[in-house]
Structures are given as C-alpha cells and as structure tokens.
Amino acid sequence: MKVLEKKLHIPANLLPRKTIDNSLPDLSDHPVVRAKTERARKLLEENPIPEDLLRRK
C-alpha cells in the first residue's frame, strides 16, 4: 500500500522572507507594469506633490 505524502499548507507570513521573494516573478519588465509606471511618473512630473504633504508630522 502506498503512503500518500500530505503537503502542509504554510501561510506566507510564516515562511522565511527569502523564500517568498525568490518565488515571486520579477514583474518590472511586464508591459502593463512598465506602462503604469511610466504613466505614474509622467503624472507626478506634471503635478508634483506639495512639500507639506510629503513631510511627516
């Protein structure tokens, strides 16, 4: 009789950080991500955030 190996589900917050980071694909080259990043950069150049909002109180 075969012994079935039961896989434990370990929540992501209990895994070592390195494991999580290595398993995530690098999406910075994804066309959608690149387009949104460029759009956000352009919008920020046109409408910079006021200095008083950037400073922590």
C-alpha atoms as a PDB file:
ATOM      1  CA  MET A   1       0.000   0.000   0.000  1.00  0.00           C
ATOM      2  CA  LYS A   2       1.305   3.431  -0.982  1.00  0.00           C
ATOM      3  CA  VAL A   3       1.727   6.064   1.665  1.00  0.00           C
ATOM      4  CA  LEU A   4       0.398   9.370   0.394  1.00  0.00           C
ATOM      5  CA  GLU A   5       2.505  12.325   1.389  1.00  0.00           C
ATOM      6  CA  LYS A   6       0.343  15.100   2.778  1.00  0.00           C
ATOM      7  CA  LYS A   7       1.598  18.562   1.894  1.00  0.00           C
ATOM      8  CA  LEU A   8       1.272  21.086   4.661  1.00  0.00           C
ATOM      9  CA  HIS A   9      -0.056  24.483   3.735  1.00  0.00           C
ATOM     10  CA  ILE A  10       2.202  27.023   5.394  1.00  0.00           C
ATOM     11  CA  PRO A  11       0.849  30.567   5.436  1.00  0.00           C
ATOM     12  CA  ALA A  12       3.052  33.049   3.569  1.00  0.00           C
ATOM     13  CA  ASN A  13       3.669  35.150   6.686  1.00  0.00           C
ATOM     14  CA  LEU A  14       5.306  32.157   8.415  1.00  0.00           C
ATOM     15  CA  LEU A  15       7.676  31.378   5.547  1.00  0.00           C
ATOM     16  CA  PRO A  16      11.137  32.881   5.571  1.00  0.00           C
ATOM     17  CA  ARG A  17      11.120  36.153   3.622  1.00  0.00           C
ATOM     18  CA  LYS A  18      13.812  34.896   1.222  1.00  0.00           C
ATOM     19  CA  THR A  19      11.607  32.008   0.096  1.00  0.00           C
ATOM     20  CA  ILE A  20       8.731  34.346  -0.728  1.00  0.00           C
ATOM     21  CA  ASP A  21      10.914  36.837  -2.623  1.00  0.00           C
ATOM     22  CA  ASN A  22      12.576  34.101  -4.677  1.00  0.00           C
ATOM     23  CA  SER A  23       9.268  32.552  -5.674  1.00  0.00           C
ATOM     24  CA  LEU A  24       7.746  35.812  -6.922  1.00  0.00           C
ATOM     25  CA  PRO A  25       8.395  36.593 -10.580  1.00  0.00           C
ATOM     26  CA  ASP A  26      10.068  39.917 -11.341  1.00  0.00           C
ATOM     27  CA  LEU A  27       7.272  41.924 -12.926  1.00  0.00           C
ATOM     28  CA  SER A  28       9.220  45.140 -13.552  1.00  0.00           C
ATOM     29  CA  ASP A  29       9.673  44.142 -17.214  1.00  0.00           C
ATOM     30  CA  HIS A  30       5.994  43.309 -17.712  1.00  0.00           C
ATOM     31  CA  PRO A  31       4.484  45.648 -20.356  1.00  0.00           C
ATOM     32  CA  VAL A  32       1.455  46.550 -18.220  1.00  0.00           C
ATOM     33  CA  VAL A  33       3.618  47.301 -15.179  1.00  0.00           C
ATOM     34  CA  ARG A  34       6.024  49.353 -17.284  1.00  0.00           C
ATOM     35  CA  ALA A  35       3.144  51.334 -18.838  1.00  0.00           C
ATOM     36  CA  LYS A  36       1.591  52.092 -15.449  1.00  0.00           C
ATOM     37  CA  THR A  37       4.961  53.095 -14.003  1.00  0.00           C
ATOM     38  CA  GLU A  38       5.622  55.452 -16.917  1.00  0.00           C
ATOM     39  CA  ARG A  39       2.147  56.945 -16.608  1.00  0.00           C
ATOM     40  CA  ALA A  40       2.561  57.474 -12.854  1.00  0.00           C
ATOM     41  CA  ARG A  41       5.983  59.086 -13.410  1.00  0.00           C
ATOM     42  CA  LYS A  42       4.536  61.421 -16.058  1.00  0.00           C
ATOM     43  CA  LEU A  43       1.589  62.405 -13.846  1.00  0.00           C
ATOM     44  CA  LEU A  44       3.961  63.133 -10.948  1.00  0.00           C
ATOM     45  CA  GLU A  45       6.111  65.360 -13.173  1.00  0.00           C
ATOM     46  CA  GLU A  46       3.034  67.310 -14.269  1.00  0.00           C
ATOM     47  CA  ASN A  47       1.522  67.541 -10.765  1.00  0.00           C
ATOM     48  CA  PRO A  48       4.237  67.301  -8.105  1.00  0.00           C
ATOM     49  CA  ILE A  49       3.122  66.510  -4.559  1.00  0.00           C
ATOM     50  CA  PRO A  50       3.212  69.659  -2.378  1.00  0.00           C
ATOM     51  CA  GLU A  51       6.149  69.734   0.047  1.00  0.00           C
ATOM     52  CA  ASP A  52       3.942  69.992   3.143  1.00  0.00           C
ATOM     53  CA  LEU A  53       2.192  66.741   2.227  1.00  0.00           C
ATOM     54  CA  LEU A  54       5.494  64.925   1.821  1.00  0.00           C
ATOM     55  CA  ARG A  55       6.764  65.946   5.250  1.00  0.00           C
ATOM     56  CA  ARG A  56       5.754  63.756   8.174  1.00  0.00           C
ATOM     57  CA  LYS A  57       4.029  65.465  11.042  1.00  0.00           C
END
